[in-house]
Amino acid sequence: MIERIVSLDPQKAYEELKNLLMRNDCRIVREEPSKTIVVEHGSVLGVTSKSIEKRITFTLIPYENKTRIISVTSLTKDLTYTIIFMYVMSLAILIVYGFLIAEMISFVSLIRQIIIKNPLMSSYFYDIYHDLLYTSQIAIIIYIIMIISLIIGVISTIYIYLRRERFSEEILRYLP
């Protein structure tokens, strides 16, 4: 929640605020002239706290001969559902990929056991073993990178959520 007192009467403050919002590509969702204006700004594909899709409610309250403006910003339901869906799918992919890596490692271990028990095996098994060992090591590295990427994504999402009021701060700063 952001609060600012401007030196304009409520009607003039409302007009100035509405003009500012329209110039900054906001879509008006609902409005009560001189009292409230609700806008949506940004995109589901936004990656910063300023460009991410959000709904902002500006409430104008007469205060002596000035106007008190309160802004409350929330993420839209579409964006929230998209974020949840992406993280659930990422976790599902990580789990499936982890099981595949575990199977690959157990298969490499099985081939290693066969080679140890039968030292006179053809070199073909040695080649398969080394290829699978190399492939499983690369798969593990990719898995670690995927986990790190997911953690960075979660941290980024939390940061964006905590900074969601940034756009409304900038809008209110332009008002006299």
Protein backbone atom coordinates (compact mmCIF):
# COMPACT_ATOMS: atom_id res chain seq x y z
CA MET A 1 0.00 0.00 0.00
CA ILE A 2 1.36 3.39 -1.04
CA GLU A 3 -0.04 6.64 0.25
CA ARG A 4 0.55 10.18 -0.95
CA ILE A 5 -1.04 13.56 -0.26
CA VAL A 6 -1.21 15.83 -3.29
CA SER A 7 -1.94 19.56 -3.37
CA LEU A 8 -4.93 19.22 -5.72
CA ASP A 9 -8.63 19.00 -5.02
CA PRO A 10 -10.12 15.46 -5.52
CA GLN A 11 -11.63 16.17 -8.97
CA LYS A 12 -8.41 17.68 -10.37
CA ALA A 13 -6.29 14.94 -8.75
CA TYR A 14 -8.56 12.31 -10.29
CA GLU A 15 -8.21 13.82 -13.77
CA GLU A 16 -4.42 14.15 -13.47
CA LEU A 17 -4.12 10.58 -12.18
CA LYS A 18 -6.32 9.19 -14.94
CA ASN A 19 -4.30 11.02 -17.62
CA LEU A 20 -1.05 9.72 -16.15
CA LEU A 21 -2.37 6.16 -16.07
CA MET A 22 -3.61 6.33 -19.68
CA ARG A 23 -0.21 7.65 -20.87
CA ASN A 24 1.45 4.68 -19.15
CA ASP A 25 -0.60 2.02 -20.99
CA CYS A 26 -2.97 1.20 -18.14
CA ARG A 27 -6.33 -0.42 -18.86
CA ILE A 28 -9.15 1.02 -16.76
CA VAL A 29 -11.12 -1.78 -15.16
CA ARG A 30 -13.48 0.26 -12.99
CA GLU A 31 -13.81 3.87 -11.93
CA GLU A 32 -15.85 6.10 -9.66
CA PRO A 33 -15.03 9.67 -10.66
CA SER A 34 -13.22 11.62 -7.94
CA LYS A 35 -13.18 8.57 -5.63
CA THR A 36 -11.66 5.40 -7.09
CA ILE A 37 -9.94 4.19 -10.20
CA VAL A 38 -8.92 0.55 -10.74
CA VAL A 39 -6.46 -0.24 -13.55
CA GLU A 40 -4.50 -3.18 -14.91
CA HIS A 41 -0.98 -2.71 -16.15
CA GLY A 42 1.70 -4.93 -17.60
CA SER A 43 1.74 -8.35 -19.18
CA VAL A 44 1.75 -11.98 -18.09
CA LEU A 45 5.07 -12.20 -19.94
CA GLY A 46 6.57 -9.33 -17.93
CA VAL A 47 9.79 -10.14 -16.11
CA THR A 48 10.25 -7.09 -13.89
CA SER A 49 8.18 -5.67 -11.08
CA LYS A 50 7.27 -2.76 -13.35
CA SER A 51 6.25 -4.81 -16.41
CA ILE A 52 4.50 -7.76 -14.74
CA GLU A 53 0.70 -7.89 -14.95
CA LYS A 54 -0.91 -6.28 -11.93
CA ARG A 55 -4.14 -4.64 -10.78
CA ILE A 56 -3.84 -1.30 -9.01
CA THR A 57 -6.61 0.37 -7.02
CA PHE A 58 -6.23 4.11 -6.45
CA THR A 59 -8.53 5.56 -3.80
CA LEU A 60 -8.84 9.35 -3.55
CA ILE A 61 -9.89 10.81 -0.20
CA PRO A 62 -10.46 14.54 0.43
CA TYR A 63 -7.98 15.78 3.03
CA GLU A 64 -8.36 19.45 4.12
CA ASN A 65 -7.93 21.35 0.83
CA LYS A 66 -5.77 18.57 -0.65
CA THR A 67 -6.30 14.95 -1.71
CA ARG A 68 -4.96 11.82 -0.07
CA ILE A 69 -4.35 9.03 -2.61
CA ILE A 70 -3.98 5.44 -1.48
CA SER A 71 -2.80 2.84 -3.96
CA VAL A 72 -2.98 -0.93 -3.47
CA THR A 73 -1.32 -3.24 -5.99
CA SER A 74 -2.03 -6.94 -6.42
CA LEU A 75 -1.02 -9.48 -9.03
CA THR A 76 -3.82 -10.54 -11.36
CA LYS A 77 -5.40 -13.99 -11.03
CA ASP A 78 -4.25 -14.94 -14.55
CA LEU A 79 -0.65 -14.20 -13.64
CA THR A 80 -0.90 -16.00 -10.31
CA TYR A 81 -2.34 -19.12 -11.97
CA THR A 82 0.32 -18.98 -14.70
CA ILE A 83 3.12 -18.76 -12.14
CA ILE A 84 1.71 -21.64 -10.08
CA PHE A 85 1.23 -23.76 -13.21
CA MET A 86 4.79 -23.11 -14.38
CA TYR A 87 6.31 -24.05 -11.02
CA VAL A 88 4.17 -27.18 -10.65
CA MET A 89 5.12 -28.30 -14.18
CA SER A 90 8.80 -27.53 -13.51
CA LEU A 91 8.72 -29.63 -10.35
CA ALA A 92 6.98 -32.49 -12.19
CA ILE A 93 9.62 -32.40 -14.95
CA LEU A 94 12.41 -32.34 -12.34
CA ILE A 95 10.93 -35.36 -10.55
CA VAL A 96 10.53 -37.38 -13.77
CA TYR A 97 14.00 -36.39 -14.97
CA GLY A 98 15.42 -37.34 -11.56
CA PHE A 99 13.87 -40.82 -11.79
CA LEU A 100 15.30 -41.24 -15.31
CA ILE A 101 18.76 -40.27 -14.06
CA ALA A 102 18.45 -42.73 -11.17
CA GLU A 103 17.54 -45.49 -13.64
CA MET A 104 20.46 -44.56 -15.87
CA ILE A 105 22.86 -44.63 -12.93
CA SER A 106 21.58 -48.02 -11.80
CA PHE A 107 22.01 -49.34 -15.36
CA VAL A 108 25.59 -48.01 -15.49
CA SER A 109 26.22 -49.66 -12.14
CA LEU A 110 24.82 -52.97 -13.49
CA ILE A 111 27.11 -52.87 -16.52
CA ARG A 112 30.06 -52.07 -14.25
CA GLN A 113 29.23 -55.12 -12.10
CA ILE A 114 29.11 -57.31 -15.23
CA ILE A 115 32.50 -56.00 -16.39
CA ILE A 116 34.06 -56.57 -12.94
CA LYS A 117 32.75 -60.16 -12.75
CA ASN A 118 33.80 -60.99 -16.31
CA PRO A 119 37.16 -59.36 -17.01
CA LEU A 120 37.48 -61.23 -20.34
CA MET A 121 34.42 -59.49 -21.83
CA SER A 122 34.79 -57.85 -25.19
CA SER A 123 35.85 -54.24 -25.39
CA TYR A 124 32.35 -53.45 -26.68
CA PHE A 125 31.04 -53.55 -23.07
CA TYR A 126 33.84 -51.25 -21.93
CA ASP A 127 32.87 -48.75 -24.63
CA ILE A 128 29.18 -48.94 -23.62
CA TYR A 129 30.11 -48.50 -19.98
CA HIS A 130 32.26 -45.42 -20.61
CA ASP A 131 29.67 -43.86 -22.93
CA LEU A 132 26.88 -44.41 -20.41
CA LEU A 133 29.05 -43.14 -17.56
CA TYR A 134 29.82 -39.98 -19.53
CA THR A 135 26.15 -39.52 -20.47
CA SER A 136 24.97 -39.97 -16.88
CA GLN A 137 27.48 -37.40 -15.65
CA ILE A 138 26.20 -34.88 -18.21
CA ALA A 139 22.60 -35.71 -17.21
CA ILE A 140 23.45 -35.04 -13.56
CA ILE A 141 25.03 -31.68 -14.46
CA ILE A 142 21.92 -30.74 -16.47
CA TYR A 143 19.73 -31.78 -13.52
CA ILE A 144 21.73 -29.56 -11.16
CA ILE A 145 21.44 -26.64 -13.60
CA MET A 146 17.66 -27.20 -13.78
CA ILE A 147 17.38 -27.14 -9.98
CA ILE A 148 19.47 -23.96 -9.76
CA SER A 149 17.32 -22.35 -12.47
CA LEU A 150 14.15 -23.23 -10.57
CA ILE A 151 15.57 -21.76 -7.34
CA ILE A 152 16.58 -18.56 -9.18
CA GLY A 153 13.07 -18.38 -10.67
CA VAL A 154 11.45 -18.69 -7.24
CA ILE A 155 13.76 -16.01 -5.80
CA SER A 156 13.00 -13.75 -8.78
CA THR A 157 9.24 -14.26 -8.35
CA ILE A 158 9.45 -13.41 -4.65
CA TYR A 159 11.48 -10.29 -5.45
CA ILE A 160 8.97 -9.18 -8.10
CA TYR A 161 6.09 -9.78 -5.69
CA LEU A 162 7.75 -7.72 -2.97
CA ARG A 163 8.39 -4.87 -5.46
CA ARG A 164 4.92 -4.94 -7.07
CA GLU A 165 4.13 -1.41 -5.78
CA ARG A 166 6.99 0.15 -7.75
CA PHE A 167 4.85 1.25 -10.70
CA SER A 168 2.24 2.97 -8.53
CA GLU A 169 5.05 4.71 -6.57
CA GLU A 170 6.34 6.17 -9.82
CA ILE A 171 2.86 7.26 -10.94
CA LEU A 172 2.12 9.00 -7.63
CA ARG A 173 5.50 10.70 -7.71
CA TYR A 174 4.47 12.60 -10.87
CA LEU A 175 1.43 14.16 -9.23
CA PRO A 176 1.96 17.67 -7.75
